[in-house]
PDB file of N, CA and C in Angstrom:
ATOM      1  N   MET A   1     117.116 121.794  94.243  1.00  0.00           N
ATOM      2  CA  MET A   1     116.892 122.711  95.684  1.00  0.00           C
ATOM      3  C   MET A   1     118.000 123.047  96.919  1.00  0.00           C
ATOM      4  N   ALA A   2     118.244 123.807  96.853  1.00  0.00           N
ATOM      5  CA  ALA A   2     119.378 124.333  98.328  1.00  0.00           C
ATOM      6  C   ALA A   2     119.415 123.756  99.680  1.00  0.00           C
ATOM      7  N   GLY A   3     120.140 122.669  99.877  1.00  0.00           N
ATOM      8  CA  GLY A   3     120.524 121.918 100.994  1.00  0.00           C
ATOM      9  C   GLY A   3     119.679 120.230 100.987  1.00  0.00           C
ATOM     10  N   LYS A   4     119.382 120.235  99.517  1.00  0.00           N
ATOM     11  CA  LYS A   4     119.319 119.045  99.286  1.00  0.00           C
ATOM     12  C   LYS A   4     120.116 118.438  98.959  1.00  0.00           C
ATOM     13  N   GLN A   5     120.173 116.683  99.258  1.00  0.00           N
ATOM     14  CA  GLN A   5     121.237 115.935  98.134  1.00  0.00           C
ATOM     15  C   GLN A   5     120.335 114.846  97.290  1.00  0.00           C
ATOM     16  N   GLU A   6     120.557 114.291  96.018  1.00  0.00           N
ATOM     17  CA  GLU A   6     120.424 113.436  95.903  1.00  0.00           C
ATOM     18  C   GLU A   6     120.566 112.267  95.921  1.00  0.00           C
ATOM     19  N   VAL A   7     119.774 111.522  96.605  1.00  0.00           N
ATOM     20  CA  VAL A   7     120.469 110.317  96.524  1.00  0.00           C
ATOM     21  C   VAL A   7     120.230 109.074  95.223  1.00  0.00           C
ATOM     22  N   LYS A   8     121.455 108.470  95.195  1.00  0.00           N
ATOM     23  CA  LYS A   8     121.106 107.357  93.533  1.00  0.00           C
ATOM     24  C   LYS A   8     120.725 106.084  94.139  1.00  0.00           C
ATOM     25  N   GLN A   9     120.435 105.418  93.704  1.00  0.00           N
ATOM     26  CA  GLN A   9     120.403 104.164  93.946  1.00  0.00           C
ATOM     27  C   GLN A   9     121.489 103.277  93.215  1.00  0.00           C
ATOM     28  N   VAL A  10     121.190 102.279  93.711  1.00  0.00           N
ATOM     29  CA  VAL A  10     122.729 101.715  93.169  1.00  0.00           C
ATOM     30  C   VAL A  10     122.438 100.108  93.227  1.00  0.00           C
ATOM     31  N   ASN A  11     122.806  99.478  92.637  1.00  0.00           N
ATOM     32  CA  ASN A  11     122.164  98.615  92.091  1.00  0.00           C
ATOM     33  C   ASN A  11     123.588  97.633  92.576  1.00  0.00           C
ATOM     34  N   ILE A  12     123.606  96.773  93.871  1.00  0.00           N
ATOM     35  CA  ILE A  12     124.385  95.703  94.344  1.00  0.00           C
ATOM     36  C   ILE A  12     123.944  94.182  93.492  1.00  0.00           C
ATOM     37  N   GLN A  13     125.220  93.419  93.130  1.00  0.00           N
ATOM     38  CA  GLN A  13     124.829  92.148  93.061  1.00  0.00           C
ATOM     39  C   GLN A  13     125.936  91.153  93.863  1.00  0.00           C
ATOM     40  N   ILE A  14     125.024  90.807  94.848  1.00  0.00           N
ATOM     41  CA  ILE A  14     125.272  89.635  96.318  1.00  0.00           C
ATOM     42  C   ILE A  14     125.799  88.370  96.094  1.00  0.00           C
ATOM     43  N   GLN A  15     126.964  88.257  95.821  1.00  0.00           N
ATOM     44  CA  GLN A  15     127.157  86.687  95.783  1.00  0.00           C
ATOM     45  C   GLN A  15     126.679  85.893  96.913  1.00  0.00           C
ATOM     46  N   LEU A  16     126.036  84.255  96.699  1.00  0.00           N
ATOM     47  CA  LEU A  16     125.159  83.859  98.286  1.00  0.00           C
ATOM     48  C   LEU A  16     126.102  82.559  97.937  1.00  0.00           C
ATOM     49  N   ASP A  17     126.751  81.861  99.176  1.00  0.00           N
ATOM     50  CA  ASP A  17     127.489  80.276  98.669  1.00  0.00           C
ATOM     51  C   ASP A  17     127.138  80.039  98.730  1.00  0.00           C
ATOM     52  N   GLU A  18     126.812  78.604  98.274  1.00  0.00           N
ATOM     53  CA  GLU A  18     126.250  78.018  99.286  1.00  0.00           C
ATOM     54  C   GLU A  18     125.870  77.045 100.442  1.00  0.00           C
ATOM     55  N   ASP A  19     126.854  76.837 100.644  1.00  0.00           N
ATOM     56  CA  ASP A  19     126.600  76.886 102.204  1.00  0.00           C
ATOM     57  C   ASP A  19     126.256  77.875 103.285  1.00  0.00           C
ATOM     58  N   VAL A  20     126.895  79.685 103.367  1.00  0.00           N
ATOM     59  CA  VAL A  20     125.818  80.488 103.121  1.00  0.00           C
ATOM     60  C   VAL A  20     123.927  80.082 103.147  1.00  0.00           C
ATOM     61  N   ALA A  21     123.876  79.967 102.044  1.00  0.00           N
ATOM     62  CA  ALA A  21     122.557  79.739 101.700  1.00  0.00           C
ATOM     63  C   ALA A  21     122.027  78.618 102.194  1.00  0.00           C
ATOM     64  N   GLN A  22     122.345  77.775 102.760  1.00  0.00           N
ATOM     65  CA  GLN A  22     121.619  77.024 103.861  1.00  0.00           C
ATOM     66  C   GLN A  22     121.104  77.748 105.254  1.00  0.00           C
ATOM     67  N   GLY A  23     122.083  78.494 105.807  1.00  0.00           N
ATOM     68  CA  GLY A  23     121.489  78.735 106.071  1.00  0.00           C
ATOM     69  C   GLY A  23     122.116  77.954 107.881  1.00  0.00           C
ATOM     70  N   MET A  24     121.441  78.546 109.197  1.00  0.00           N
ATOM     71  CA  MET A  24     122.548  78.194 110.460  1.00  0.00           C
ATOM     72  C   MET A  24     120.681  78.063 111.413  1.00  0.00           C
ATOM     73  N   TYR A  25     120.884  77.189 112.412  1.00  0.00           N
ATOM     74  CA  TYR A  25     119.832  77.632 113.350  1.00  0.00           C
ATOM     75  C   TYR A  25     120.440  78.040 114.344  1.00  0.00           C
ATOM     76  N   VAL A  26     120.051  79.015 115.344  1.00  0.00           N
ATOM     77  CA  VAL A  26     120.433  79.433 116.210  1.00  0.00           C
ATOM     78  C   VAL A  26     119.342  79.583 117.585  1.00  0.00           C
ATOM     79  N   ASN A  27     119.752  79.260 118.907  1.00  0.00           N
ATOM     80  CA  ASN A  27     118.970  79.743 119.634  1.00  0.00           C
ATOM     81  C   ASN A  27     119.274  80.949 120.625  1.00  0.00           C
ATOM     82  N   MET A  28     120.503  80.948 120.603  1.00  0.00           N
ATOM     83  CA  MET A  28     120.789  83.204 121.455  1.00  0.00           C
ATOM     84  C   MET A  28     121.053  83.828 121.139  1.00  0.00           C
ATOM     85  N   ALA A  29     121.630  85.040 120.725  1.00  0.00           N
ATOM     86  CA  ALA A  29     121.935  85.775 120.823  1.00  0.00           C
ATOM     87  C   ALA A  29     122.596  86.819 121.450  1.00  0.00           C
ATOM     88  N   VAL A  30     124.019  86.628 121.905  1.00  0.00           N
ATOM     89  CA  VAL A  30     125.294  88.296 122.690  1.00  0.00           C
ATOM     90  C   VAL A  30     125.551  88.937 121.640  1.00  0.00           C
ATOM     91  N   VAL A  31     125.054  90.290 122.441  1.00  0.00           N
ATOM     92  CA  VAL A  31     125.648  91.820 121.540  1.00  0.00           C
ATOM     93  C   VAL A  31     126.529  92.454 123.055  1.00  0.00           C
ATOM     94  N   GLN A  32     127.602  92.769 122.451  1.00  0.00           N
ATOM     95  CA  GLN A  32     128.691  93.255 123.193  1.00  0.00           C
ATOM     96  C   GLN A  32     129.068  94.211 121.691  1.00  0.00           C
ATOM     97  N   HIS A  33     129.655  95.703 122.513  1.00  0.00           N
ATOM     98  CA  HIS A  33     129.467  97.300 121.707  1.00  0.00           C
ATOM     99  C   HIS A  33     130.871  97.572 122.650  1.00  0.00           C
ATOM    100  N   SER A  34     131.587  98.266 121.726  1.00  0.00           N
ATOM    101  CA  SER A  34     132.732  99.010 121.988  1.00  0.00           C
ATOM    102  C   SER A  34     132.537 100.280 121.719  1.00  0.00           C
ATOM    103  N   HIS A  35     132.841 100.923 121.893  1.00  0.00           N
ATOM    104  CA  HIS A  35     132.547 102.683 121.016  1.00  0.00           C
ATOM    105  C   HIS A  35     132.705 102.708 119.741  1.00  0.00           C
ATOM    106  N   ALA A  36     134.069 101.829 119.450  1.00  0.00           N
ATOM    107  CA  ALA A  36     133.821 102.238 117.776  1.00  0.00           C
ATOM    108  C   ALA A  36     133.084 100.478 116.688  1.00  0.00           C
ATOM    109  N   GLU A  37     132.705  99.061 117.603  1.00  0.00           N
ATOM    110  CA  GLU A  37     131.857  97.947 116.867  1.00  0.00           C
ATOM    111  C   GLU A  37     131.264  97.863 117.584  1.00  0.00           C
ATOM    112  N   PHE A  38     130.456  96.943 117.645  1.00  0.00           N
ATOM    113  CA  PHE A  38     129.395  96.204 117.668  1.00  0.00           C
ATOM    114  C   PHE A  38     129.422  94.582 117.439  1.00  0.00           C
ATOM    115  N   VAL A  39     129.178  93.457 118.080  1.00  0.00           N
ATOM    116  CA  VAL A  39     130.338  92.098 118.006  1.00  0.00           C
ATOM    117  C   VAL A  39     128.344  91.138 118.411  1.00  0.00           C
ATOM    118  N   LEU A  40     128.022  90.212 117.625  1.00  0.00           N
ATOM    119  CA  LEU A  40     127.241  89.502 117.702  1.00  0.00           C
ATOM    120  C   LEU A  40     127.603  87.915 117.142  1.00  0.00           C
ATOM    121  N   ASP A  41     126.985  87.466 118.413  1.00  0.00           N
ATOM    122  CA  ASP A  41     127.199  86.372 118.374  1.00  0.00           C
ATOM    123  C   ASP A  41     126.148  85.180 118.828  1.00  0.00           C
ATOM    124  N   PHE A  42     126.046  84.911 117.860  1.00  0.00           N
ATOM    125  CA  PHE A  42     124.760  83.515 117.285  1.00  0.00           C
ATOM    126  C   PHE A  42     124.843  82.189 118.038  1.00  0.00           C
ATOM    127  N   ILE A  43     124.626  82.052 118.938  1.00  0.00           N
ATOM    128  CA  ILE A  43     124.412  80.391 119.169  1.00  0.00           C
ATOM    129  C   ILE A  43     123.863  79.411 119.572  1.00  0.00           C
ATOM    130  N   PHE A  44     124.504  78.197 119.274  1.00  0.00           N
ATOM    131  CA  PHE A  44     122.832  77.310 119.262  1.00  0.00           C
ATOM    132  C   PHE A  44     123.687  76.607 121.180  1.00  0.00           C
ATOM    133  N   ILE A  45     122.277  76.103 121.804  1.00  0.00           N
ATOM    134  CA  ILE A  45     122.400  75.356 123.213  1.00  0.00           C
ATOM    135  C   ILE A  45     121.707  74.273 123.081  1.00  0.00           C
ATOM    136  N   PRO A  46     122.218  73.240 122.906  1.00  0.00           N
ATOM    137  CA  PRO A  46     121.074  72.314 122.864  1.00  0.00           C
ATOM    138  C   PRO A  46     120.445  72.148 123.894  1.00  0.00           C
ATOM    139  N   PRO A  47     119.055  71.329 123.945  1.00  0.00           N
ATOM    140  CA  PRO A  47     118.637  71.733 124.613  1.00  0.00           C
ATOM    141  C   PRO A  47     118.784  69.830 125.992  1.00  0.00           C
ATOM    142  N   GLY A  48     119.005  70.707 127.254  1.00  0.00           N
ATOM    143  CA  GLY A  48     119.342  70.040 128.750  1.00  0.00           C
ATOM    144  C   GLY A  48     120.977  70.030 128.570  1.00  0.00           C
ATOM    145  N   GLN A  49     121.672  71.074 127.721  1.00  0.00           N
ATOM    146  CA  GLN A  49     122.762  71.052 127.884  1.00  0.00           C
ATOM    147  C   GLN A  49     123.303  72.506 128.391  1.00  0.00           C
ATOM    148  N   PRO A  50     124.796  71.667 129.479  1.00  0.00           N
ATOM    149  CA  PRO A  50     125.357  73.010 129.751  1.00  0.00           C
ATOM    150  C   PRO A  50     126.539  74.307 129.365  1.00  0.00           C
ATOM    151  N   LYS A  51     126.639  73.495 127.710  1.00  0.00           N
ATOM    152  CA  LYS A  51     127.730  73.709 126.884  1.00  0.00           C
ATOM    153  C   LYS A  51     126.858  74.009 125.988  1.00  0.00           C
ATOM    154  N   ALA A  52     127.671  75.584 125.117  1.00  0.00           N
ATOM    155  CA  ALA A  52     126.426  75.622 124.163  1.00  0.00           C
ATOM    156  C   ALA A  52     128.027  76.398 122.940  1.00  0.00           C
ATOM    157  N   LYS A  53     127.692  76.852 122.048  1.00  0.00           N
ATOM    158  CA  LYS A  53     128.913  77.105 121.388  1.00  0.00           C
ATOM    159  C   LYS A  53     129.249  78.410 119.848  1.00  0.00           C
ATOM    160  N   VAL A  54     129.059  79.384 119.725  1.00  0.00           N
ATOM    161  CA  VAL A  54     129.616  80.448 119.037  1.00  0.00           C
ATOM    162  C   VAL A  54     129.113  79.874 117.037  1.00  0.00           C
ATOM    163  N   ARG A  55     128.072  79.710 117.065  1.00  0.00           N
ATOM    164  CA  ARG A  55     128.533  80.049 115.353  1.00  0.00           C
ATOM    165  C   ARG A  55     128.326  80.703 114.635  1.00  0.00           C
ATOM    166  N   SER A  56     128.455  81.736 114.683  1.00  0.00           N
ATOM    167  CA  SER A  56     128.144  82.815 113.759  1.00  0.00           C
ATOM    168  C   SER A  56     128.895  83.990 115.071  1.00  0.00           C
ATOM    169  N   ARG A  57     130.233  85.015 114.402  1.00  0.00           N
ATOM    170  CA  ARG A  57     130.469  86.202 114.956  1.00  0.00           C
ATOM    171  C   ARG A  57     130.002  87.347 113.627  1.00  0.00           C
ATOM    172  N   ILE A  58     129.542  88.192 114.065  1.00  0.00           N
ATOM    173  CA  ILE A  58     129.320  89.343 113.577  1.00  0.00           C
ATOM    174  C   ILE A  58     129.474  90.829 113.952  1.00  0.00           C
ATOM    175  N   ILE A  59     130.682  91.399 113.349  1.00  0.00           N
ATOM    176  CA  ILE A  59     131.249  93.193 113.747  1.00  0.00           C
ATOM    177  C   ILE A  59     130.822  92.924 112.901  1.00  0.00           C
ATOM    178  N   LEU A  60     130.438  95.162 112.850  1.00  0.00           N
ATOM    179  CA  LEU A  60     129.245  95.894 112.610  1.00  0.00           C
ATOM    180  C   LEU A  60     130.143  96.997 113.664  1.00  0.00           C
ATOM    181  N   ALA A  61     129.915  98.077 112.943  1.00  0.00           N
ATOM    182  CA  ALA A  61     130.105  99.385 112.741  1.00  0.00           C
ATOM    183  C   ALA A  61     128.992  99.665 113.571  1.00  0.00           C
ATOM    184  N   PRO A  62     129.008 100.741 114.837  1.00  0.00           N
ATOM    185  CA  PRO A  62     127.584 101.421 114.979  1.00  0.00           C
ATOM    186  C   PRO A  62     126.168 101.619 114.081  1.00  0.00           C
ATOM    187  N   GLU A  63     126.740 102.302 113.114  1.00  0.00           N
ATOM    188  CA  GLU A  63     125.831 103.158 112.387  1.00  0.00           C
ATOM    189  C   GLU A  63     125.072 101.462 111.507  1.00  0.00           C
ATOM    190  N   HIS A  64     126.000 100.776 111.368  1.00  0.00           N
ATOM    191  CA  HIS A  64     125.131  99.808 110.799  1.00  0.00           C
ATOM    192  C   HIS A  64     124.556  99.093 112.072  1.00  0.00           C
ATOM    193  N   ALA A  65     124.659  98.770 112.671  1.00  0.00           N
ATOM    194  CA  ALA A  65     123.833  98.660 113.867  1.00  0.00           C
ATOM    195  C   ALA A  65     122.580  98.931 114.213  1.00  0.00           C
ATOM    196  N   LYS A  66     122.607 100.263 114.231  1.00  0.00           N
ATOM    197  CA  LYS A  66     121.648 101.185 114.241  1.00  0.00           C
ATOM    198  C   LYS A  66     120.508 100.671 112.445  1.00  0.00           C
ATOM    199  N   ARG A  67     121.326 100.563 111.696  1.00  0.00           N
ATOM    200  CA  ARG A  67     120.100  99.535 110.723  1.00  0.00           C
ATOM    201  C   ARG A  67     119.963  99.040 110.826  1.00  0.00           C
ATOM    202  N   LEU A  68     120.828  97.718 111.233  1.00  0.00           N
ATOM    203  CA  LEU A  68     119.975  96.322 111.731  1.00  0.00           C
ATOM    204  C   LEU A  68     118.640  96.261 112.125  1.00  0.00           C
ATOM    205  N   ALA A  69     119.202  97.281 113.267  1.00  0.00           N
ATOM    206  CA  ALA A  69     117.572  96.421 114.242  1.00  0.00           C
ATOM    207  C   ALA A  69     116.494  97.675 113.979  1.00  0.00           C
ATOM    208  N   MET A  70     116.308  98.925 113.289  1.00  0.00           N
ATOM    209  CA  MET A  70     115.461  99.194 112.592  1.00  0.00           C
ATOM    210  C   MET A  70     114.680  98.739 111.769  1.00  0.00           C
ATOM    211  N   ALA A  71     115.183  97.939 111.232  1.00  0.00           N
ATOM    212  CA  ALA A  71     114.947  96.682 109.580  1.00  0.00           C
ATOM    213  C   ALA A  71     114.419  95.696 110.833  1.00  0.00           C
ATOM    214  N   LEU A  72     115.142  95.332 111.675  1.00  0.00           N
ATOM    215  CA  LEU A  72     114.374  94.474 112.667  1.00  0.00           C
ATOM    216  C   LEU A  72     113.207  95.111 112.944  1.00  0.00           C
ATOM    217  N   ARG A  73     113.534  95.885 113.415  1.00  0.00           N
ATOM    218  CA  ARG A  73     111.730  96.190 114.097  1.00  0.00           C
ATOM    219  C   ARG A  73     110.770  96.918 112.684  1.00  0.00           C
ATOM    220  N   GLU A  74     111.735  97.174 111.951  1.00  0.00           N
ATOM    221  CA  GLU A  74     110.153  97.088 110.987  1.00  0.00           C
ATOM    222  C   GLU A  74     109.443  95.920 110.294  1.00  0.00           C
ATOM    223  N   ASN A  75     110.690  94.534 110.397  1.00  0.00           N
ATOM    224  CA  ASN A  75     110.372  93.141 110.011  1.00  0.00           C
ATOM    225  C   ASN A  75     109.523  93.042 110.788  1.00  0.00           C
ATOM    226  N   LEU A  76     109.266  92.818 111.847  1.00  0.00           N
ATOM    227  CA  LEU A  76     109.032  91.921 113.026  1.00  0.00           C
ATOM    228  C   LEU A  76     107.396  93.095 113.023  1.00  0.00           C
ATOM    229  N   SER A  77     107.191  94.273 112.921  1.00  0.00           N
ATOM    230  CA  SER A  77     106.453  95.103 112.764  1.00  0.00           C
ATOM    231  C   SER A  77     105.338  94.171 111.882  1.00  0.00           C
ATOM    232  N   HIS A  78     106.267  94.307 110.897  1.00  0.00           N
ATOM    233  CA  HIS A  78     104.621  93.246 110.112  1.00  0.00           C
ATOM    234  C   HIS A  78     104.903  91.807 109.657  1.00  0.00           C
ATOM    235  N   TYR A  79     105.390  90.924 110.451  1.00  0.00           N
ATOM    236  CA  TYR A  79     105.341  90.545 110.518  1.00  0.00           C
ATOM    237  C   TYR A  79     104.226  89.955 111.584  1.00  0.00           C
ATOM    238  N   GLU A  80     104.266  90.720 112.486  1.00  0.00           N
ATOM    239  CA  GLU A  80     103.230  90.462 113.887  1.00  0.00           C
ATOM    240  C   GLU A  80     102.018  91.311 112.834  1.00  0.00           C
ATOM    241  N   LYS A  81     101.825  91.785 112.059  1.00  0.00           N
ATOM    242  CA  LYS A  81     100.051  92.572 111.468  1.00  0.00           C
ATOM    243  C   LYS A  81     100.120  91.096 110.487  1.00  0.00           C
ATOM    244  N   HIS A  82     100.643  90.979 110.403  1.00  0.00           N
ATOM    245  CA  HIS A  82     100.390  89.833 109.301  1.00  0.00           C
ATOM    246  C   HIS A  82     100.120  88.409 109.758  1.00  0.00           C
ATOM    247  N   PHE A  83     100.798  88.061 110.873  1.00  0.00           N
ATOM    248  CA  PHE A  83     100.791  86.607 111.303  1.00  0.00           C
ATOM    249  C   PHE A  83     100.310  86.412 113.043  1.00  0.00           C
ATOM    250  N   GLY A  84     100.030  87.405 113.503  1.00  0.00           N
ATOM    251  CA  GLY A  84      99.810  87.840 114.845  1.00  0.00           C
ATOM    252  C   GLY A  84     101.104  88.346 115.758  1.00  0.00           C
ATOM    253  N   GLU A  85     100.786  89.137 117.173  1.00  0.00           N
ATOM    254  CA  GLU A  85     102.288  88.988 117.682  1.00  0.00           C
ATOM    255  C   GLU A  85     103.135  87.511 118.166  1.00  0.00           C
ATOM    256  N   ILE A  86     104.102  87.994 118.161  1.00  0.00           N
ATOM    257  CA  ILE A  86     104.983  86.899 119.140  1.00  0.00           C
ATOM    258  C   ILE A  86     104.750  87.147 120.305  1.00  0.00           C
ATOM    259  N   GLN A  87     104.669  85.981 120.953  1.00  0.00           N
ATOM    260  CA  GLN A  87     103.776  85.725 122.430  1.00  0.00           C
ATOM    261  C   GLN A  87     105.988  84.748 123.000  1.00  0.00           C
ATOM    262  N   LEU A  88     106.342  86.072 123.952  1.00  0.00           N
ATOM    263  CA  LEU A  88     107.664  85.196 124.935  1.00  0.00           C
ATOM    264  C   LEU A  88     107.396  85.093 125.463  1.00  0.00           C
ATOM    265  N   PRO A  89     108.330  83.955 125.684  1.00  0.00           N
ATOM    266  CA  PRO A  89     107.664  82.536 126.978  1.00  0.00           C
ATOM    267  C   PRO A  89     108.493  83.371 128.419  1.00  0.00           C
ATOM    268  N   ASN A  90     108.098  83.112 129.443  1.00  0.00           N
ATOM    269  CA  ASN A  90     108.601  83.656 130.951  1.00  0.00           C
ATOM    270  C   ASN A  90     110.265  83.276 130.889  1.00  0.00           C
ATOM    271  N   LEU A  91     111.270  84.306 130.576  1.00  0.00           N
ATOM    272  CA  LEU A  91     112.521  84.314 129.748  1.00  0.00           C
ATOM    273  C   LEU A  91     113.337  83.459 131.319  1.00  0.00           C
ATOM    274  N   PRO A  92     113.892  82.372 131.418  1.00  0.00           N
ATOM    275  CA  PRO A  92     114.680  82.267 132.446  1.00  0.00           C
ATOM    276  C   PRO A  92     115.929  83.645 132.794  1.00  0.00           C
ATOM    277  N   PRO A  93     116.938  83.409 134.406  1.00  0.00           N
ATOM    278  CA  PRO A  93     117.487  84.446 133.863  1.00  0.00           C
ATOM    279  C   PRO A  93     118.938  84.339 133.379  1.00  0.00           C
ATOM    280  N   PRO A  94     119.039  85.438 133.674  1.00  0.00           N
ATOM    281  CA  PRO A  94     120.429  85.474 132.185  1.00  0.00           C
ATOM    282  C   PRO A  94     121.952  84.379 132.845  1.00  0.00           C
ATOM    283  N   ILE A  95     121.498  84.027 131.448  1.00  0.00           N
ATOM    284  CA  ILE A  95     123.250  82.897 132.353  1.00  0.00           C
ATOM    285  C   ILE A  95     124.401  83.228 131.889  1.00  0.00           C
ATOM    286  N   GLN A  96     125.251  82.892 132.630  1.00  0.00           N
ATOM    287  CA  GLN A  96     126.658  83.362 132.926  1.00  0.00           C
ATOM    288  C   GLN A  96     127.739  82.550 132.189  1.00  0.00           C
ATOM    289  N   SER A  97     127.864  83.371 130.726  1.00  0.00           N
ATOM    290  CA  SER A  97     129.316  82.291 130.374  1.00  0.00           C
ATOM    291  C   SER A  97     130.433  83.090 130.351  1.00  0.00           C
ATOM    292  N   THR A  98     131.053  82.169 129.272  1.00  0.00           N
ATOM    293  CA  THR A  98     132.627  82.306 129.045  1.00  0.00           C
ATOM    294  C   THR A  98     132.519  82.423 127.950  1.00  0.00           C
ATOM    295  N   VAL A  99     133.240  82.591 126.777  1.00  0.00           N
ATOM    296  CA  VAL A  99     134.068  82.389 126.329  1.00  0.00           C
ATOM    297  C   VAL A  99     135.156  81.680 125.394  1.00  0.00           C
ATOM    298  N   GLN A 100     135.591  80.985 124.736  1.00  0.00           N
ATOM    299  CA  GLN A 100     136.921  80.148 124.659  1.00  0.00           C
ATOM    300  C   GLN A 100     136.862  79.761 123.721  1.00  0.00           C
TER     301      GLN A 100
END
């Protein structure tokens, strides 16, 4: 058919190192962007402590950031259909932070 491109499925073998497979707990994320990229900082803030630590920084092209947002929306929708709506507590005011 004219105007339609055939999409071929590609199988990719993804390597998952043992230390990465363990995962890392975070309780805050900060998202920043420029015209060329999105930066996602995943942060752990210990309860009652004024200091936080960036545990991981992910840098994405805008197209990949949009795909990630779409995948999160879809997965949240499936989660809430299965387990019920996720309730968000009253959020504290925005945190003023500096990255060192």
